[in-house]
């Protein structure tokens, strides 16, 4: 497939003599560039000029295609969630046992954290810290993404408890919230201390709690 073409109202304009010609651009590529810009700088420190330069379009074209900076940030968050968080969750739920899906999700976060030289963390978690306390609209949007992660953990725990690979000593809802807390802890801690031993030490107790019953049963 060729590059996506924006509708006429979303096309940038290229001046050629006395005529203005529409110049098509790839919407997904432009959004990915915006994600990179917001991810590196945060919402507050990112200007429309920064975004236009990163996306390779001019200011009027940006407004025509995506609206103002806040509208573009919302689009960027949604694309990030779809491509990163949801894609990973779907892959793990379809291809792994419940307990393995949880382990892989957490260990993937650790691997991303310790191998990122820029220490960018997670755009959703970064935004939860920067934007949510001051913007109810974005706060609700970001909370919904965190709810999706919690729901993934809860589904895994419930299925794992049904098939006997996860302990029933802890409620599925509480276990899911604990695991969400571990995710947030990994992402925040890694911004200043991206140390594998530290991050793995945060994960081990939570995983041990899920495995508690099966370990005890092996000794009966």
N, C-alpha and C. Protein backbone atom coordinates (compact mmCIF):
# COMPACT_ATOMS: atom_id res chain seq x y z
N UNK A 1 0.83 -1.20 0.00
CA UNK A 1 0.00 0.00 0.00
C UNK A 1 0.86 1.25 0.00
N UNK A 2 0.43 2.27 -0.66
CA UNK A 2 1.16 3.52 -0.70
C UNK A 2 0.88 4.34 0.53
N UNK A 3 1.47 5.52 0.62
CA UNK A 3 1.26 6.37 1.79
C UNK A 3 -0.17 6.83 1.91
N UNK A 4 -0.63 6.99 3.15
CA UNK A 4 -1.97 7.48 3.37
C UNK A 4 -2.07 8.92 2.93
N UNK A 5 -3.19 9.25 2.32
CA UNK A 5 -3.42 10.62 1.85
C UNK A 5 -4.46 11.28 2.73
N UNK A 6 -4.19 12.48 3.17
CA UNK A 6 -5.14 13.20 3.99
C UNK A 6 -6.25 13.77 3.12
N UNK A 7 -7.43 13.98 3.70
CA UNK A 7 -8.50 14.66 2.97
C UNK A 7 -8.07 16.08 2.62
N UNK A 8 -8.71 16.69 1.62
CA UNK A 8 -8.27 18.02 1.15
C UNK A 8 -8.12 19.03 2.26
N UNK A 9 -9.02 19.02 3.24
CA UNK A 9 -8.95 20.00 4.31
C UNK A 9 -7.77 19.80 5.24
N UNK A 10 -7.14 18.60 5.18
CA UNK A 10 -6.03 18.30 6.08
C UNK A 10 -4.70 18.34 5.38
N UNK A 11 -4.67 18.77 4.12
CA UNK A 11 -3.42 18.79 3.38
C UNK A 11 -2.67 20.09 3.61
N UNK A 12 -1.35 19.97 3.63
CA UNK A 12 -0.55 21.18 3.74
C UNK A 12 -0.50 21.87 2.38
N UNK A 13 -0.17 23.16 2.36
CA UNK A 13 -0.15 23.93 1.13
C UNK A 13 1.27 24.32 0.79
N UNK A 14 1.64 24.09 -0.44
CA UNK A 14 2.97 24.44 -0.93
C UNK A 14 2.82 25.58 -1.95
N UNK A 15 3.46 26.71 -1.66
CA UNK A 15 3.32 27.88 -2.54
C UNK A 15 4.21 27.73 -3.75
N UNK A 16 3.63 27.94 -4.92
CA UNK A 16 4.37 27.80 -6.17
C UNK A 16 3.98 28.98 -7.05
N UNK A 17 4.79 30.05 -6.99
CA UNK A 17 4.42 31.24 -7.75
C UNK A 17 3.17 31.84 -7.16
N UNK A 18 2.14 32.00 -8.01
CA UNK A 18 0.89 32.57 -7.53
C UNK A 18 -0.14 31.51 -7.21
N UNK A 19 0.27 30.24 -7.26
CA UNK A 19 -0.68 29.16 -7.02
C UNK A 19 -0.31 28.41 -5.75
N UNK A 20 -1.32 27.95 -5.03
CA UNK A 20 -1.10 27.12 -3.85
C UNK A 20 -1.48 25.70 -4.19
N UNK A 21 -0.51 24.79 -4.07
CA UNK A 21 -0.76 23.38 -4.35
C UNK A 21 -0.80 22.58 -3.05
N UNK A 22 -1.76 21.63 -2.95
CA UNK A 22 -1.78 20.77 -1.76
C UNK A 22 -0.59 19.81 -1.79
N UNK A 23 0.06 19.63 -0.65
CA UNK A 23 1.13 18.65 -0.55
C UNK A 23 0.70 17.58 0.44
N UNK A 24 0.51 16.36 -0.04
CA UNK A 24 0.03 15.29 0.82
C UNK A 24 1.16 14.81 1.72
N UNK A 25 0.79 14.37 2.93
CA UNK A 25 1.77 13.76 3.82
C UNK A 25 1.12 12.57 4.50
N UNK A 26 1.96 11.67 5.00
CA UNK A 26 1.50 10.45 5.64
C UNK A 26 1.08 10.78 7.07
N UNK A 27 -0.19 10.62 7.38
CA UNK A 27 -0.71 10.99 8.69
C UNK A 27 -0.06 10.20 9.81
N UNK A 28 0.09 8.89 9.61
CA UNK A 28 0.67 8.05 10.66
C UNK A 28 2.13 8.43 10.91
N UNK A 29 2.87 8.70 9.85
CA UNK A 29 4.27 9.11 10.02
C UNK A 29 4.35 10.45 10.76
N UNK A 30 3.43 11.36 10.44
CA UNK A 30 3.41 12.65 11.12
C UNK A 30 3.08 12.48 12.60
N UNK A 31 2.13 11.59 12.91
CA UNK A 31 1.79 11.33 14.30
C UNK A 31 2.95 10.68 15.05
N UNK A 32 3.64 9.77 14.39
CA UNK A 32 4.80 9.13 15.03
C UNK A 32 5.88 10.17 15.35
N UNK A 33 6.04 11.13 14.47
CA UNK A 33 7.01 12.20 14.73
C UNK A 33 6.55 13.07 15.90
N UNK A 34 5.24 13.32 15.98
CA UNK A 34 4.70 14.10 17.10
C UNK A 34 4.88 13.34 18.41
N UNK A 35 4.66 12.03 18.37
CA UNK A 35 4.87 11.20 19.56
C UNK A 35 6.30 11.35 20.05
N UNK A 36 7.25 11.24 19.13
CA UNK A 36 8.66 11.36 19.50
C UNK A 36 8.95 12.71 20.14
N UNK A 37 8.32 13.75 19.63
CA UNK A 37 8.54 15.11 20.15
C UNK A 37 7.95 15.25 21.56
N UNK A 38 6.70 14.83 21.74
CA UNK A 38 6.08 14.90 23.06
C UNK A 38 6.80 14.00 24.06
N UNK A 39 7.23 12.83 23.59
CA UNK A 39 7.88 11.85 24.45
C UNK A 39 9.20 12.39 24.99
N UNK A 40 9.92 13.11 24.14
CA UNK A 40 11.22 13.62 24.53
C UNK A 40 11.10 14.85 25.43
N UNK A 41 10.12 15.73 25.13
CA UNK A 41 10.05 17.02 25.82
C UNK A 41 8.92 17.13 26.84
N UNK A 42 7.85 16.34 26.66
CA UNK A 42 6.65 16.53 27.46
C UNK A 42 5.72 17.53 26.80
N UNK A 43 4.48 17.55 27.23
CA UNK A 43 3.49 18.45 26.61
C UNK A 43 3.85 19.92 26.84
N UNK A 44 4.16 20.29 28.06
CA UNK A 44 4.37 21.68 28.38
C UNK A 44 5.55 22.31 27.66
N UNK A 45 6.63 21.54 27.49
CA UNK A 45 7.85 22.09 26.89
C UNK A 45 7.88 21.96 25.38
N UNK A 46 6.86 21.38 24.79
CA UNK A 46 6.81 21.21 23.33
C UNK A 46 6.00 22.33 22.71
N UNK A 47 6.59 23.03 21.77
CA UNK A 47 5.89 24.12 21.07
C UNK A 47 5.35 23.62 19.74
N UNK A 48 4.45 24.38 19.17
CA UNK A 48 3.94 24.06 17.84
C UNK A 48 5.08 24.11 16.82
N UNK A 49 6.00 25.03 17.00
CA UNK A 49 7.17 25.09 16.11
C UNK A 49 8.00 23.81 16.21
N UNK A 50 8.21 23.31 17.43
CA UNK A 50 8.93 22.04 17.59
C UNK A 50 8.22 20.91 16.84
N UNK A 51 6.91 20.86 17.01
CA UNK A 51 6.13 19.80 16.39
C UNK A 51 6.19 19.88 14.87
N UNK A 52 5.98 21.07 14.34
CA UNK A 52 6.00 21.24 12.89
C UNK A 52 7.34 20.84 12.31
N UNK A 53 8.42 21.22 12.98
CA UNK A 53 9.76 20.87 12.49
C UNK A 53 9.97 19.36 12.54
N UNK A 54 9.54 18.73 13.62
CA UNK A 54 9.72 17.28 13.76
C UNK A 54 8.86 16.52 12.76
N UNK A 55 7.66 17.03 12.51
CA UNK A 55 6.71 16.35 11.63
C UNK A 55 6.95 16.66 10.16
N UNK A 56 7.76 17.68 9.88
CA UNK A 56 8.06 18.03 8.49
C UNK A 56 6.94 18.74 7.78
N UNK A 57 6.10 19.47 8.54
CA UNK A 57 5.03 20.24 7.93
C UNK A 57 5.04 21.63 8.55
N UNK A 58 4.33 22.57 7.92
CA UNK A 58 4.32 23.92 8.48
C UNK A 58 3.17 24.08 9.48
N UNK A 59 3.22 25.18 10.22
CA UNK A 59 2.23 25.40 11.26
C UNK A 59 0.79 25.37 10.80
N UNK A 60 0.43 26.12 9.74
CA UNK A 60 -0.97 26.07 9.27
C UNK A 60 -1.42 24.67 8.88
N UNK A 61 -0.52 23.89 8.26
CA UNK A 61 -0.88 22.52 7.87
C UNK A 61 -1.14 21.67 9.11
N UNK A 62 -0.34 21.88 10.15
CA UNK A 62 -0.53 21.13 11.39
C UNK A 62 -1.91 21.43 11.97
N UNK A 63 -2.27 22.71 12.03
CA UNK A 63 -3.58 23.07 12.58
C UNK A 63 -4.71 22.51 11.72
N UNK A 64 -4.56 22.59 10.41
CA UNK A 64 -5.60 22.09 9.52
C UNK A 64 -5.81 20.59 9.67
N UNK A 65 -4.71 19.86 9.83
CA UNK A 65 -4.80 18.40 9.86
C UNK A 65 -5.14 17.86 11.24
N UNK A 66 -4.61 18.50 12.30
CA UNK A 66 -4.71 17.90 13.63
C UNK A 66 -5.35 18.80 14.68
N UNK A 67 -5.62 20.05 14.37
CA UNK A 67 -6.12 20.96 15.37
C UNK A 67 -4.97 21.59 16.15
N UNK A 68 -5.24 22.07 17.36
CA UNK A 68 -4.20 22.73 18.14
C UNK A 68 -3.29 21.70 18.81
N UNK A 69 -2.35 22.20 19.60
CA UNK A 69 -1.36 21.32 20.22
C UNK A 69 -2.01 20.28 21.12
N UNK A 70 -3.02 20.67 21.86
CA UNK A 70 -3.66 19.73 22.77
C UNK A 70 -4.41 18.63 22.01
N UNK A 71 -5.04 19.00 20.90
CA UNK A 71 -5.72 17.99 20.07
C UNK A 71 -4.71 17.02 19.48
N UNK A 72 -3.57 17.53 19.05
CA UNK A 72 -2.52 16.67 18.50
C UNK A 72 -1.96 15.76 19.59
N UNK A 73 -1.82 16.27 20.80
CA UNK A 73 -1.34 15.45 21.90
C UNK A 73 -2.31 14.30 22.17
N UNK A 74 -3.60 14.57 22.13
CA UNK A 74 -4.60 13.51 22.33
C UNK A 74 -4.49 12.45 21.24
N UNK A 75 -4.34 12.88 20.00
CA UNK A 75 -4.17 11.93 18.89
C UNK A 75 -2.90 11.11 19.07
N UNK A 76 -1.84 11.76 19.54
CA UNK A 76 -0.57 11.08 19.73
C UNK A 76 -0.66 10.04 20.84
N UNK A 77 -1.30 10.40 21.94
CA UNK A 77 -1.48 9.45 23.03
C UNK A 77 -2.26 8.22 22.57
N UNK A 78 -3.31 8.45 21.80
CA UNK A 78 -4.13 7.33 21.34
C UNK A 78 -3.34 6.42 20.40
N UNK A 79 -2.56 7.00 19.51
CA UNK A 79 -1.76 6.17 18.62
C UNK A 79 -0.69 5.40 19.41
N UNK A 80 -0.08 6.07 20.36
CA UNK A 80 0.92 5.40 21.20
C UNK A 80 0.29 4.22 21.93
N UNK A 81 -0.89 4.44 22.52
CA UNK A 81 -1.57 3.37 23.24
C UNK A 81 -1.92 2.22 22.32
N UNK A 82 -2.38 2.53 21.13
CA UNK A 82 -2.80 1.50 20.18
C UNK A 82 -1.61 0.67 19.70
N UNK A 83 -0.55 1.34 19.34
CA UNK A 83 0.59 0.64 18.74
C UNK A 83 1.49 -0.03 19.77
N UNK A 84 1.59 0.55 20.94
CA UNK A 84 2.52 0.04 21.95
C UNK A 84 1.80 -0.82 22.98
N UNK A 85 0.98 -0.21 23.79
CA UNK A 85 0.34 -0.92 24.90
C UNK A 85 -0.63 -2.00 24.41
N UNK A 86 -1.59 -1.61 23.57
CA UNK A 86 -2.62 -2.58 23.15
C UNK A 86 -2.04 -3.68 22.29
N UNK A 87 -1.10 -3.32 21.42
CA UNK A 87 -0.48 -4.34 20.59
C UNK A 87 0.24 -5.38 21.42
N UNK A 88 0.95 -4.93 22.44
CA UNK A 88 1.68 -5.85 23.32
C UNK A 88 0.72 -6.73 24.11
N UNK A 89 -0.34 -6.14 24.64
CA UNK A 89 -1.32 -6.91 25.40
C UNK A 89 -1.97 -7.98 24.54
N UNK A 90 -2.36 -7.61 23.33
CA UNK A 90 -3.01 -8.58 22.45
C UNK A 90 -2.07 -9.72 22.11
N UNK A 91 -0.81 -9.40 21.83
CA UNK A 91 0.17 -10.44 21.50
C UNK A 91 0.36 -11.41 22.65
N UNK A 92 0.45 -10.89 23.86
CA UNK A 92 0.70 -11.75 25.02
C UNK A 92 -0.53 -12.59 25.36
N UNK A 93 -1.70 -12.00 25.32
CA UNK A 93 -2.91 -12.76 25.65
C UNK A 93 -3.18 -13.86 24.64
N UNK A 94 -2.85 -13.61 23.39
CA UNK A 94 -3.10 -14.62 22.35
C UNK A 94 -2.02 -15.70 22.31
N UNK A 95 -0.81 -15.38 22.79
CA UNK A 95 0.29 -16.32 22.60
C UNK A 95 0.90 -16.93 23.83
N UNK A 96 0.43 -16.54 25.03
CA UNK A 96 1.08 -17.01 26.26
C UNK A 96 0.04 -17.51 27.26
N UNK A 97 0.49 -18.35 28.18
CA UNK A 97 -0.36 -18.70 29.32
C UNK A 97 -0.55 -17.46 30.17
N UNK A 98 -1.56 -17.44 31.04
CA UNK A 98 -1.81 -16.23 31.83
C UNK A 98 -0.61 -15.78 32.65
N UNK A 99 0.03 -16.69 33.36
CA UNK A 99 1.15 -16.29 34.20
C UNK A 99 2.34 -15.84 33.35
N UNK A 100 2.57 -16.52 32.25
CA UNK A 100 3.67 -16.12 31.38
C UNK A 100 3.39 -14.75 30.76
N UNK A 101 2.14 -14.47 30.43
CA UNK A 101 1.78 -13.16 29.85
C UNK A 101 2.13 -12.05 30.83
N UNK A 102 1.83 -12.25 32.11
CA UNK A 102 2.17 -11.25 33.12
C UNK A 102 3.67 -11.07 33.21
N UNK A 103 4.40 -12.19 33.30
CA UNK A 103 5.86 -12.13 33.40
C UNK A 103 6.47 -11.41 32.21
N UNK A 104 6.01 -11.78 31.02
CA UNK A 104 6.58 -11.19 29.81
C UNK A 104 6.29 -9.70 29.73
N UNK A 105 5.10 -9.29 30.13
CA UNK A 105 4.74 -7.88 30.11
C UNK A 105 5.70 -7.08 30.99
N UNK A 106 5.93 -7.57 32.20
CA UNK A 106 6.79 -6.85 33.14
C UNK A 106 8.25 -6.88 32.72
N UNK A 107 8.71 -8.03 32.25
CA UNK A 107 10.11 -8.13 31.86
C UNK A 107 10.40 -7.35 30.57
N UNK A 108 9.40 -7.22 29.71
CA UNK A 108 9.56 -6.38 28.53
C UNK A 108 9.74 -4.92 28.93
N UNK A 109 8.98 -4.47 29.94
CA UNK A 109 9.15 -3.10 30.44
C UNK A 109 10.55 -2.89 31.00
N UNK A 110 11.04 -3.88 31.72
CA UNK A 110 12.40 -3.76 32.27
C UNK A 110 13.41 -3.65 31.14
N UNK A 111 13.27 -4.51 30.15
CA UNK A 111 14.23 -4.50 29.04
C UNK A 111 14.20 -3.17 28.30
N UNK A 112 13.01 -2.65 28.04
CA UNK A 112 12.91 -1.34 27.38
C UNK A 112 13.54 -0.25 28.23
N UNK A 113 13.36 -0.35 29.53
CA UNK A 113 13.84 0.71 30.42
C UNK A 113 15.36 0.73 30.50
N UNK A 114 15.98 -0.45 30.58
CA UNK A 114 17.43 -0.48 30.77
C UNK A 114 18.19 -0.30 29.46
N UNK A 115 17.51 -0.42 28.33
CA UNK A 115 18.19 -0.28 27.04
C UNK A 115 17.87 1.05 26.35
N UNK A 116 17.14 1.93 27.02
CA UNK A 116 16.80 3.23 26.43
C UNK A 116 17.82 4.27 26.89
N UNK A 117 18.74 4.69 26.02
CA UNK A 117 19.77 5.64 26.43
C UNK A 117 19.22 7.01 26.79
N UNK A 118 18.05 7.34 26.28
CA UNK A 118 17.46 8.66 26.55
C UNK A 118 16.58 8.68 27.80
N UNK A 119 16.35 7.50 28.39
CA UNK A 119 15.53 7.40 29.61
C UNK A 119 14.17 8.07 29.43
N UNK A 120 13.51 7.78 28.32
CA UNK A 120 12.24 8.44 28.03
C UNK A 120 11.10 7.90 28.87
N UNK A 121 11.23 6.67 29.35
CA UNK A 121 10.13 6.06 30.08
C UNK A 121 8.96 5.72 29.17
N UNK A 122 7.76 5.84 29.69
CA UNK A 122 6.53 5.55 28.96
C UNK A 122 5.76 6.85 28.77
N UNK A 123 5.31 7.13 27.57
CA UNK A 123 4.60 8.37 27.30
C UNK A 123 3.33 8.48 28.15
N UNK A 124 2.64 7.37 28.35
CA UNK A 124 1.41 7.40 29.14
C UNK A 124 1.72 7.70 30.61
N UNK A 125 2.71 7.02 31.16
CA UNK A 125 3.06 7.24 32.57
C UNK A 125 3.64 8.64 32.76
N UNK A 126 4.51 9.07 31.84
CA UNK A 126 5.05 10.43 31.92
C UNK A 126 3.93 11.45 31.93
N UNK A 127 2.94 11.23 31.07
CA UNK A 127 1.83 12.18 30.96
C UNK A 127 0.94 12.13 32.20
N UNK A 128 0.83 10.95 32.82
CA UNK A 128 0.05 10.84 34.06
C UNK A 128 0.65 11.73 35.14
N UNK A 129 1.98 11.84 35.15
CA UNK A 129 2.65 12.67 36.15
C UNK A 129 2.61 14.15 35.77
N UNK A 130 2.79 14.44 34.49
CA UNK A 130 2.90 15.84 34.07
C UNK A 130 1.55 16.50 33.87
N UNK A 131 0.63 15.80 33.23
CA UNK A 131 -0.57 16.45 32.73
C UNK A 131 -1.81 16.17 33.57
N UNK A 132 -1.98 14.93 34.02
CA UNK A 132 -3.23 14.52 34.68
C UNK A 132 -3.64 15.41 35.85
N UNK A 133 -2.71 15.82 36.73
CA UNK A 133 -3.16 16.62 37.88
C UNK A 133 -3.73 17.99 37.51
N UNK A 134 -3.42 18.47 36.30
CA UNK A 134 -3.79 19.84 35.93
C UNK A 134 -4.83 19.91 34.82
N UNK A 135 -5.15 18.79 34.20
CA UNK A 135 -6.06 18.79 33.06
C UNK A 135 -7.04 17.63 33.19
N UNK A 136 -8.25 17.88 33.65
CA UNK A 136 -9.21 16.78 33.87
C UNK A 136 -9.49 15.96 32.62
N UNK A 137 -9.52 16.61 31.46
CA UNK A 137 -9.82 15.87 30.23
C UNK A 137 -8.72 14.87 29.93
N UNK A 138 -7.47 15.34 29.94
CA UNK A 138 -6.37 14.43 29.71
C UNK A 138 -6.24 13.43 30.86
N UNK A 139 -6.54 13.89 32.07
CA UNK A 139 -6.48 12.99 33.21
C UNK A 139 -7.40 11.79 33.03
N UNK A 140 -8.61 12.03 32.55
CA UNK A 140 -9.54 10.94 32.30
C UNK A 140 -9.06 10.03 31.19
N UNK A 141 -8.49 10.62 30.16
CA UNK A 141 -7.99 9.84 29.03
C UNK A 141 -6.85 8.93 29.47
N UNK A 142 -5.92 9.48 30.23
CA UNK A 142 -4.77 8.70 30.68
C UNK A 142 -5.21 7.63 31.68
N UNK A 143 -6.16 7.97 32.56
CA UNK A 143 -6.68 6.97 33.50
C UNK A 143 -7.30 5.79 32.76
N UNK A 144 -7.94 6.06 31.62
CA UNK A 144 -8.55 4.96 30.86
C UNK A 144 -7.49 4.01 30.30
N UNK A 145 -6.33 4.54 29.92
CA UNK A 145 -5.25 3.68 29.44
C UNK A 145 -4.70 2.83 30.58
N UNK A 146 -4.53 3.43 31.76
CA UNK A 146 -4.07 2.66 32.90
C UNK A 146 -5.10 1.60 33.29
N UNK A 147 -6.38 1.92 33.13
CA UNK A 147 -7.43 0.93 33.39
C UNK A 147 -7.32 -0.25 32.45
N UNK A 148 -6.92 -0.01 31.22
CA UNK A 148 -6.75 -1.11 30.27
C UNK A 148 -5.63 -2.06 30.71
N UNK A 149 -4.55 -1.49 31.23
CA UNK A 149 -3.46 -2.33 31.73
C UNK A 149 -3.93 -3.14 32.94
N UNK A 150 -4.63 -2.48 33.86
CA UNK A 150 -5.17 -3.19 35.02
C UNK A 150 -6.12 -4.30 34.59
N UNK A 151 -6.97 -4.03 33.61
CA UNK A 151 -7.92 -5.04 33.13
C UNK A 151 -7.19 -6.23 32.51
N UNK A 152 -6.11 -5.97 31.79
CA UNK A 152 -5.29 -7.06 31.23
C UNK A 152 -4.76 -7.94 32.35
N UNK A 153 -4.20 -7.34 33.38
CA UNK A 153 -3.67 -8.13 34.50
C UNK A 153 -4.79 -8.92 35.18
N UNK A 154 -5.94 -8.29 35.34
CA UNK A 154 -7.03 -8.98 36.02
C UNK A 154 -7.50 -10.19 35.21
N UNK A 155 -7.61 -10.03 33.90
CA UNK A 155 -8.01 -11.17 33.06
C UNK A 155 -7.00 -12.31 33.19
N UNK A 156 -5.72 -11.95 33.18
CA UNK A 156 -4.68 -12.97 33.29
C UNK A 156 -4.76 -13.69 34.63
N UNK A 157 -4.93 -12.93 35.70
CA UNK A 157 -4.99 -13.54 37.03
C UNK A 157 -6.22 -14.44 37.14
N UNK A 158 -7.34 -13.98 36.66
CA UNK A 158 -8.56 -14.80 36.74
C UNK A 158 -8.41 -16.10 35.96
N UNK A 159 -7.84 -16.02 34.76
CA UNK A 159 -7.66 -17.25 33.98
C UNK A 159 -6.61 -18.15 34.62
N UNK A 160 -5.55 -17.53 35.16
CA UNK A 160 -4.54 -18.33 35.82
C UNK A 160 -5.05 -19.01 37.07
N UNK A 161 -5.94 -18.35 37.80
CA UNK A 161 -6.55 -18.98 38.96
C UNK A 161 -7.49 -20.11 38.56
N UNK A 162 -8.14 -19.95 37.43
CA UNK A 162 -9.03 -21.00 36.95
C UNK A 162 -8.27 -22.25 36.54
N UNK A 163 -7.10 -22.06 35.92
CA UNK A 163 -6.35 -23.25 35.48
C UNK A 163 -5.32 -23.72 36.51
N UNK A 164 -5.23 -23.05 37.64
CA UNK A 164 -4.40 -23.51 38.73
C UNK A 164 -2.96 -23.04 38.73
N UNK A 165 -2.57 -22.16 37.80
CA UNK A 165 -1.18 -21.73 37.77
C UNK A 165 -0.92 -20.45 38.56
N UNK A 166 -1.98 -19.80 39.03
CA UNK A 166 -1.84 -18.59 39.85
C UNK A 166 -2.60 -18.80 41.15
N UNK A 167 -2.00 -18.36 42.25
CA UNK A 167 -2.58 -18.53 43.58
C UNK A 167 -3.95 -17.88 43.69
N UNK A 168 -4.81 -18.54 44.46
CA UNK A 168 -6.11 -17.97 44.78
C UNK A 168 -6.09 -17.26 46.13
N UNK A 169 -4.91 -17.15 46.73
CA UNK A 169 -4.80 -16.49 48.03
C UNK A 169 -4.97 -14.98 47.93
N UNK A 170 -4.86 -14.44 46.74
CA UNK A 170 -5.04 -13.00 46.55
C UNK A 170 -6.16 -12.79 45.53
N UNK A 171 -7.01 -11.81 45.77
CA UNK A 171 -8.10 -11.53 44.84
C UNK A 171 -7.57 -11.01 43.51
N UNK A 172 -8.26 -11.33 42.44
CA UNK A 172 -7.81 -10.94 41.11
C UNK A 172 -7.74 -9.42 40.97
N UNK A 173 -8.72 -8.71 41.54
CA UNK A 173 -8.72 -7.25 41.44
C UNK A 173 -7.52 -6.65 42.17
N UNK A 174 -7.28 -7.13 43.39
CA UNK A 174 -6.14 -6.61 44.15
C UNK A 174 -4.82 -6.95 43.48
N UNK A 175 -4.72 -8.16 42.95
CA UNK A 175 -3.48 -8.56 42.26
C UNK A 175 -3.25 -7.69 41.04
N UNK A 176 -4.32 -7.39 40.29
CA UNK A 176 -4.19 -6.55 39.10
C UNK A 176 -3.73 -5.15 39.47
N UNK A 177 -4.26 -4.63 40.55
CA UNK A 177 -3.87 -3.27 40.98
C UNK A 177 -2.43 -3.26 41.49
N UNK A 178 -2.03 -4.33 42.17
CA UNK A 178 -0.64 -4.43 42.59
C UNK A 178 0.28 -4.44 41.39
N UNK A 179 -0.06 -5.21 40.38
CA UNK A 179 0.78 -5.30 39.18
C UNK A 179 0.81 -3.97 38.43
N UNK A 180 -0.31 -3.27 38.39
CA UNK A 180 -0.32 -1.93 37.78
C UNK A 180 0.62 -1.01 38.55
N UNK A 181 0.61 -1.11 39.88
CA UNK A 181 1.53 -0.31 40.68
C UNK A 181 2.98 -0.63 40.38
N UNK A 182 3.27 -1.91 40.12
CA UNK A 182 4.63 -2.31 39.76
C UNK A 182 5.02 -1.69 38.41
N UNK A 183 4.09 -1.70 37.47
CA UNK A 183 4.36 -1.08 36.16
C UNK A 183 4.71 0.40 36.33
N UNK A 184 3.90 1.10 37.10
CA UNK A 184 4.16 2.53 37.32
C UNK A 184 5.50 2.73 38.02
N UNK A 185 5.78 1.87 38.99
CA UNK A 185 7.04 1.98 39.71
C UNK A 185 8.24 1.76 38.82
N UNK A 186 8.16 0.76 37.95
CA UNK A 186 9.26 0.49 37.02
C UNK A 186 9.52 1.70 36.14
N UNK A 187 8.44 2.23 35.57
CA UNK A 187 8.60 3.32 34.61
C UNK A 187 9.10 4.60 35.25
N UNK A 188 8.67 4.87 36.47
CA UNK A 188 9.12 6.09 37.15
C UNK A 188 10.55 5.92 37.64
N UNK A 189 10.84 4.79 38.29
CA UNK A 189 12.18 4.57 38.84
C UNK A 189 13.24 4.56 37.74
N UNK A 190 12.89 4.01 36.59
CA UNK A 190 13.87 3.87 35.52
C UNK A 190 14.26 5.19 34.89
N UNK A 191 13.47 6.25 35.11
CA UNK A 191 13.86 7.55 34.57
C UNK A 191 15.15 8.05 35.23
N UNK A 192 15.36 7.71 36.49
CA UNK A 192 16.57 8.16 37.19
C UNK A 192 17.53 7.02 37.51
N UNK A 193 17.00 5.79 37.66
CA UNK A 193 17.86 4.65 37.98
C UNK A 193 17.50 3.46 37.10
N UNK A 194 17.90 3.47 35.84
CA UNK A 194 17.58 2.37 34.94
C UNK A 194 18.49 1.16 35.18
N UNK A 195 18.40 0.61 36.37
CA UNK A 195 19.26 -0.50 36.78
C UNK A 195 18.46 -1.80 36.78
N UNK A 196 18.95 -2.79 36.08
CA UNK A 196 18.22 -4.05 35.96
C UNK A 196 17.95 -4.68 37.33
N UNK A 197 18.95 -4.69 38.19
CA UNK A 197 18.77 -5.32 39.50
C UNK A 197 17.67 -4.63 40.30
N UNK A 198 17.64 -3.30 40.24
CA UNK A 198 16.59 -2.56 40.95
C UNK A 198 15.21 -2.91 40.41
N UNK A 199 15.05 -2.88 39.11
CA UNK A 199 13.74 -3.08 38.50
C UNK A 199 13.28 -4.53 38.66
N UNK A 200 14.19 -5.48 38.51
CA UNK A 200 13.83 -6.88 38.72
C UNK A 200 13.45 -7.13 40.17
N UNK A 201 14.11 -6.42 41.09
CA UNK A 201 13.76 -6.54 42.51
C UNK A 201 12.37 -6.03 42.81
N UNK A 202 11.87 -5.10 42.01
CA UNK A 202 10.51 -4.61 42.18
C UNK A 202 9.48 -5.62 41.68
N UNK A 203 9.87 -6.41 40.69
CA UNK A 203 8.95 -7.35 40.07
C UNK A 203 8.85 -8.66 40.84
N UNK A 204 9.97 -9.15 41.38
CA UNK A 204 10.00 -10.48 41.98
C UNK A 204 8.97 -10.70 43.07
N UNK A 205 8.81 -9.78 44.03
CA UNK A 205 7.81 -10.05 45.08
C UNK A 205 6.39 -10.18 44.56
N UNK A 206 6.05 -9.39 43.56
CA UNK A 206 4.69 -9.47 43.00
C UNK A 206 4.47 -10.81 42.31
N UNK A 207 5.47 -11.25 41.55
CA UNK A 207 5.33 -12.54 40.87
C UNK A 207 5.33 -13.68 41.88
N UNK A 208 6.11 -13.56 42.94
CA UNK A 208 6.13 -14.60 43.97
C UNK A 208 4.77 -14.72 44.65
N UNK A 209 4.10 -13.60 44.84
CA UNK A 209 2.78 -13.63 45.45
C UNK A 209 1.80 -14.40 44.58
N UNK A 210 1.89 -14.22 43.28
CA UNK A 210 1.01 -14.96 42.37
C UNK A 210 1.31 -16.45 42.39
N UNK A 211 2.55 -16.80 42.66
CA UNK A 211 3.00 -18.19 42.58
C UNK A 211 2.96 -18.89 43.93
N UNK A 212 2.52 -18.19 44.95
CA UNK A 212 2.64 -18.69 46.31
C UNK A 212 1.94 -20.02 46.51
N UNK A 213 0.73 -20.15 46.01
CA UNK A 213 -0.04 -21.35 46.23
C UNK A 213 0.57 -22.56 45.54
N UNK A 214 1.00 -22.35 44.27
CA UNK A 214 1.55 -23.49 43.53
C UNK A 214 2.82 -23.99 44.16
N UNK A 215 3.64 -23.08 44.72
CA UNK A 215 4.85 -23.52 45.40
C UNK A 215 4.50 -24.34 46.64
N UNK A 216 3.52 -23.89 47.41
CA UNK A 216 3.16 -24.58 48.63
C UNK A 216 2.58 -25.94 48.31
N UNK A 217 1.79 -26.02 47.24
CA UNK A 217 1.18 -27.29 46.89
C UNK A 217 2.18 -28.34 46.48
N UNK A 218 3.33 -27.89 45.93
CA UNK A 218 4.35 -28.86 45.52
C UNK A 218 5.02 -29.51 46.72
N UNK A 219 4.86 -28.91 47.90
CA UNK A 219 5.47 -29.47 49.09
C UNK A 219 4.51 -30.32 49.90
N UNK A 220 3.26 -30.41 49.48
CA UNK A 220 2.26 -31.21 50.20
C UNK A 220 2.42 -32.70 49.87
